[in-house]
């Protein structure tokens, strides 16, 4: 999937259903998902080096923050299942 396709799908969902929470959930346990509070928090990053990466210090450029790092050309949606 390309960014443009993701944007289009997100805009379609917002236009049809309004703004709503976004998160992640394991496909393996999809039958357990029943409310927005069950979603896992996500962090969308433009990927860069993996140097010094950890669950608390995710790799890549945080799109909600500022960074002057030159990214590689793919996005990752990280989620924590804790």
N, C-alpha and C. Protein backbone atom coordinates (compact mmCIF):
# COMPACT_ATOMS: atom_id res chain seq x y z
N UNK A 1 0.85 -1.17 0.00
CA UNK A 1 0.00 0.00 0.00
C UNK A 1 0.89 1.23 0.00
N UNK A 2 0.54 2.21 -0.77
CA UNK A 2 1.26 3.49 -0.84
C UNK A 2 0.59 4.49 0.10
N UNK A 3 1.33 5.54 0.47
CA UNK A 3 0.78 6.59 1.34
C UNK A 3 -0.48 7.17 0.73
N UNK A 4 -0.47 7.42 -0.57
CA UNK A 4 -1.64 8.01 -1.22
C UNK A 4 -2.88 7.12 -1.08
N UNK A 5 -2.68 5.80 -1.16
CA UNK A 5 -3.81 4.86 -1.00
C UNK A 5 -4.32 4.88 0.44
N UNK A 6 -3.39 4.92 1.40
CA UNK A 6 -3.77 4.97 2.80
C UNK A 6 -4.54 6.25 3.10
N UNK A 7 -4.05 7.37 2.60
CA UNK A 7 -4.75 8.66 2.79
C UNK A 7 -6.16 8.60 2.22
N UNK A 8 -6.28 8.05 1.02
CA UNK A 8 -7.58 7.94 0.38
C UNK A 8 -8.54 7.09 1.22
N UNK A 9 -8.07 5.97 1.71
CA UNK A 9 -8.92 5.10 2.55
C UNK A 9 -9.32 5.79 3.85
N UNK A 10 -8.37 6.50 4.46
CA UNK A 10 -8.68 7.21 5.70
C UNK A 10 -9.69 8.33 5.45
N UNK A 11 -9.54 9.05 4.34
CA UNK A 11 -10.49 10.12 4.01
C UNK A 11 -11.88 9.55 3.72
N UNK A 12 -11.95 8.42 3.05
CA UNK A 12 -13.24 7.78 2.79
C UNK A 12 -13.92 7.40 4.10
N UNK A 13 -13.16 6.81 5.02
CA UNK A 13 -13.72 6.42 6.31
C UNK A 13 -14.20 7.64 7.09
N UNK A 14 -13.40 8.71 7.09
CA UNK A 14 -13.79 9.92 7.82
C UNK A 14 -15.03 10.55 7.20
N UNK A 15 -15.08 10.60 5.86
CA UNK A 15 -16.24 11.19 5.18
C UNK A 15 -17.51 10.40 5.45
N UNK A 16 -17.40 9.08 5.49
CA UNK A 16 -18.58 8.24 5.67
C UNK A 16 -19.01 8.12 7.13
N UNK A 17 -18.02 8.01 8.05
CA UNK A 17 -18.35 7.71 9.45
C UNK A 17 -17.94 8.80 10.44
N UNK A 18 -17.21 9.83 10.00
CA UNK A 18 -16.74 10.87 10.90
C UNK A 18 -15.40 10.51 11.51
N UNK A 19 -14.86 11.44 12.29
CA UNK A 19 -13.57 11.22 12.94
C UNK A 19 -13.73 10.16 14.02
N UNK A 20 -12.72 9.35 14.20
CA UNK A 20 -12.81 8.26 15.18
C UNK A 20 -11.43 7.84 15.64
N UNK A 21 -11.34 7.10 16.75
CA UNK A 21 -10.05 6.63 17.23
C UNK A 21 -9.39 5.67 16.23
N UNK A 22 -8.06 5.64 16.24
CA UNK A 22 -7.28 4.74 15.40
C UNK A 22 -6.31 3.99 16.30
N UNK A 23 -6.17 2.71 16.05
CA UNK A 23 -5.22 1.90 16.81
C UNK A 23 -4.91 0.64 16.03
N UNK A 24 -4.35 -0.33 16.69
CA UNK A 24 -4.01 -1.60 16.05
C UNK A 24 -4.50 -2.74 16.94
N UNK A 25 -4.66 -3.89 16.31
CA UNK A 25 -5.08 -5.08 17.05
C UNK A 25 -4.61 -6.31 16.28
N UNK A 26 -4.25 -7.33 16.98
CA UNK A 26 -3.75 -8.55 16.35
C UNK A 26 -4.87 -9.26 15.59
N UNK A 27 -4.61 -9.58 14.33
CA UNK A 27 -5.59 -10.31 13.53
C UNK A 27 -5.89 -11.67 14.14
N UNK A 28 -4.91 -12.24 14.83
CA UNK A 28 -5.08 -13.55 15.45
C UNK A 28 -6.18 -13.54 16.50
N UNK A 29 -6.37 -12.40 17.17
CA UNK A 29 -7.37 -12.30 18.23
C UNK A 29 -8.51 -11.35 17.87
N UNK A 30 -8.80 -11.19 16.57
CA UNK A 30 -9.80 -10.22 16.11
C UNK A 30 -11.17 -10.44 16.75
N UNK A 31 -11.50 -11.66 17.09
CA UNK A 31 -12.80 -11.96 17.69
C UNK A 31 -12.97 -11.37 19.08
N UNK A 32 -11.85 -10.93 19.70
CA UNK A 32 -11.92 -10.34 21.04
C UNK A 32 -12.11 -8.82 21.02
N UNK A 33 -11.95 -8.19 19.86
CA UNK A 33 -12.04 -6.73 19.75
C UNK A 33 -13.51 -6.31 19.80
N UNK A 34 -13.86 -5.47 20.80
CA UNK A 34 -15.26 -5.08 20.93
C UNK A 34 -15.48 -3.59 21.12
N UNK A 35 -14.43 -2.84 21.47
CA UNK A 35 -14.60 -1.40 21.70
C UNK A 35 -13.28 -0.67 21.44
N UNK A 36 -13.33 0.64 21.20
CA UNK A 36 -12.12 1.40 20.88
C UNK A 36 -11.03 1.29 21.96
N UNK A 37 -11.45 1.14 23.20
CA UNK A 37 -10.48 1.04 24.29
C UNK A 37 -9.63 -0.22 24.19
N UNK A 38 -10.08 -1.20 23.41
CA UNK A 38 -9.32 -2.44 23.23
C UNK A 38 -8.16 -2.28 22.24
N UNK A 39 -8.19 -1.20 21.44
CA UNK A 39 -7.14 -0.99 20.44
C UNK A 39 -5.79 -0.75 21.11
N UNK A 40 -4.74 -1.17 20.46
CA UNK A 40 -3.39 -0.91 20.93
C UNK A 40 -2.95 0.46 20.41
N UNK A 41 -2.25 1.22 21.24
CA UNK A 41 -1.73 2.51 20.82
C UNK A 41 -0.71 2.30 19.72
N UNK A 42 -0.68 3.19 18.75
CA UNK A 42 0.23 3.05 17.61
C UNK A 42 1.12 4.28 17.49
N UNK A 43 2.22 4.09 16.81
CA UNK A 43 3.14 5.18 16.49
C UNK A 43 3.56 5.02 15.05
N UNK A 44 3.22 5.98 14.21
CA UNK A 44 3.56 5.94 12.79
C UNK A 44 4.91 6.62 12.60
N UNK A 45 5.83 5.92 11.98
CA UNK A 45 7.18 6.45 11.80
C UNK A 45 7.65 6.30 10.36
N UNK A 46 8.39 7.30 9.87
CA UNK A 46 9.12 7.19 8.62
C UNK A 46 10.46 6.58 9.00
N UNK A 47 10.77 5.43 8.44
CA UNK A 47 11.90 4.64 8.91
C UNK A 47 13.25 5.22 8.53
N UNK A 48 14.18 5.08 9.49
CA UNK A 48 15.58 5.48 9.34
C UNK A 48 16.43 4.35 9.90
N UNK A 49 17.56 4.66 10.42
CA UNK A 49 18.45 3.66 11.01
C UNK A 49 17.80 3.04 12.26
N UNK A 50 18.21 1.82 12.56
CA UNK A 50 17.70 1.13 13.75
C UNK A 50 18.61 1.35 14.96
N UNK A 51 19.62 2.17 14.84
CA UNK A 51 20.59 2.42 15.89
C UNK A 51 19.90 2.86 17.18
N UNK A 52 20.21 2.21 18.27
CA UNK A 52 19.69 2.54 19.61
C UNK A 52 18.17 2.44 19.70
N UNK A 53 17.57 1.55 18.94
CA UNK A 53 16.11 1.38 18.96
C UNK A 53 15.69 0.49 20.11
N UNK A 54 14.53 0.79 20.66
CA UNK A 54 13.92 -0.03 21.70
C UNK A 54 12.42 0.26 21.68
N UNK A 55 11.69 -0.46 22.51
CA UNK A 55 10.24 -0.23 22.60
C UNK A 55 9.94 1.19 23.06
N UNK A 56 10.79 1.73 23.93
CA UNK A 56 10.59 3.09 24.43
C UNK A 56 11.19 4.14 23.48
N UNK A 57 12.17 3.76 22.68
CA UNK A 57 12.85 4.66 21.74
C UNK A 57 12.72 4.05 20.35
N UNK A 58 11.57 4.23 19.72
CA UNK A 58 11.31 3.63 18.41
C UNK A 58 12.18 4.26 17.34
N UNK A 59 12.55 3.47 16.33
CA UNK A 59 13.35 4.02 15.24
C UNK A 59 12.49 4.88 14.32
N UNK A 60 13.14 5.69 13.51
CA UNK A 60 12.42 6.46 12.50
C UNK A 60 12.06 7.86 12.95
N UNK A 61 11.49 8.60 12.02
CA UNK A 61 11.09 9.98 12.25
C UNK A 61 9.66 9.98 12.77
N UNK A 62 9.46 10.53 13.96
CA UNK A 62 8.13 10.64 14.56
C UNK A 62 7.39 11.77 13.86
N UNK A 63 6.31 11.46 13.18
CA UNK A 63 5.57 12.45 12.41
C UNK A 63 4.86 13.48 13.28
N UNK A 64 4.74 13.20 14.58
CA UNK A 64 4.15 14.17 15.50
C UNK A 64 5.19 15.10 16.10
N UNK A 65 6.47 14.77 15.91
CA UNK A 65 7.56 15.58 16.44
C UNK A 65 8.39 16.16 15.33
N UNK A 66 9.48 16.80 15.71
CA UNK A 66 10.37 17.40 14.72
C UNK A 66 11.63 16.56 14.59
N UNK A 67 12.13 16.46 13.38
CA UNK A 67 13.36 15.73 13.14
C UNK A 67 13.98 16.19 11.83
N UNK A 68 15.29 16.23 11.80
CA UNK A 68 15.97 16.59 10.56
C UNK A 68 16.67 15.37 9.96
N UNK A 69 16.28 14.18 10.38
CA UNK A 69 16.85 12.93 9.88
C UNK A 69 16.30 12.65 8.49
N UNK A 70 17.16 12.25 7.57
CA UNK A 70 16.72 11.87 6.22
C UNK A 70 16.18 10.45 6.26
N UNK A 71 14.88 10.24 6.02
CA UNK A 71 14.29 8.91 6.15
C UNK A 71 14.50 8.01 4.93
N UNK A 72 14.42 6.70 5.14
CA UNK A 72 14.28 5.76 4.04
C UNK A 72 12.85 5.89 3.53
N UNK A 73 12.47 5.10 2.56
CA UNK A 73 11.19 5.31 1.91
C UNK A 73 10.12 4.29 2.28
N UNK A 74 9.89 4.06 3.56
CA UNK A 74 8.74 3.27 3.96
C UNK A 74 8.27 3.68 5.35
N UNK A 75 6.99 3.50 5.59
CA UNK A 75 6.38 3.83 6.87
C UNK A 75 6.14 2.56 7.67
N UNK A 76 6.16 2.69 8.96
CA UNK A 76 5.85 1.58 9.85
C UNK A 76 4.88 2.06 10.91
N UNK A 77 3.88 1.25 11.17
CA UNK A 77 2.93 1.51 12.23
C UNK A 77 3.29 0.55 13.36
N UNK A 78 3.90 1.08 14.43
CA UNK A 78 4.30 0.24 15.56
C UNK A 78 3.16 0.17 16.57
N UNK A 79 3.00 -0.99 17.19
CA UNK A 79 2.06 -1.08 18.29
C UNK A 79 2.66 -1.92 19.40
N UNK A 80 2.23 -1.61 20.62
CA UNK A 80 2.70 -2.34 21.78
C UNK A 80 1.54 -3.19 22.29
N UNK A 81 1.75 -4.47 22.45
CA UNK A 81 0.67 -5.36 22.88
C UNK A 81 0.69 -5.59 24.39
N UNK A 82 1.19 -4.65 25.11
CA UNK A 82 1.22 -4.74 26.58
C UNK A 82 0.07 -4.01 27.18
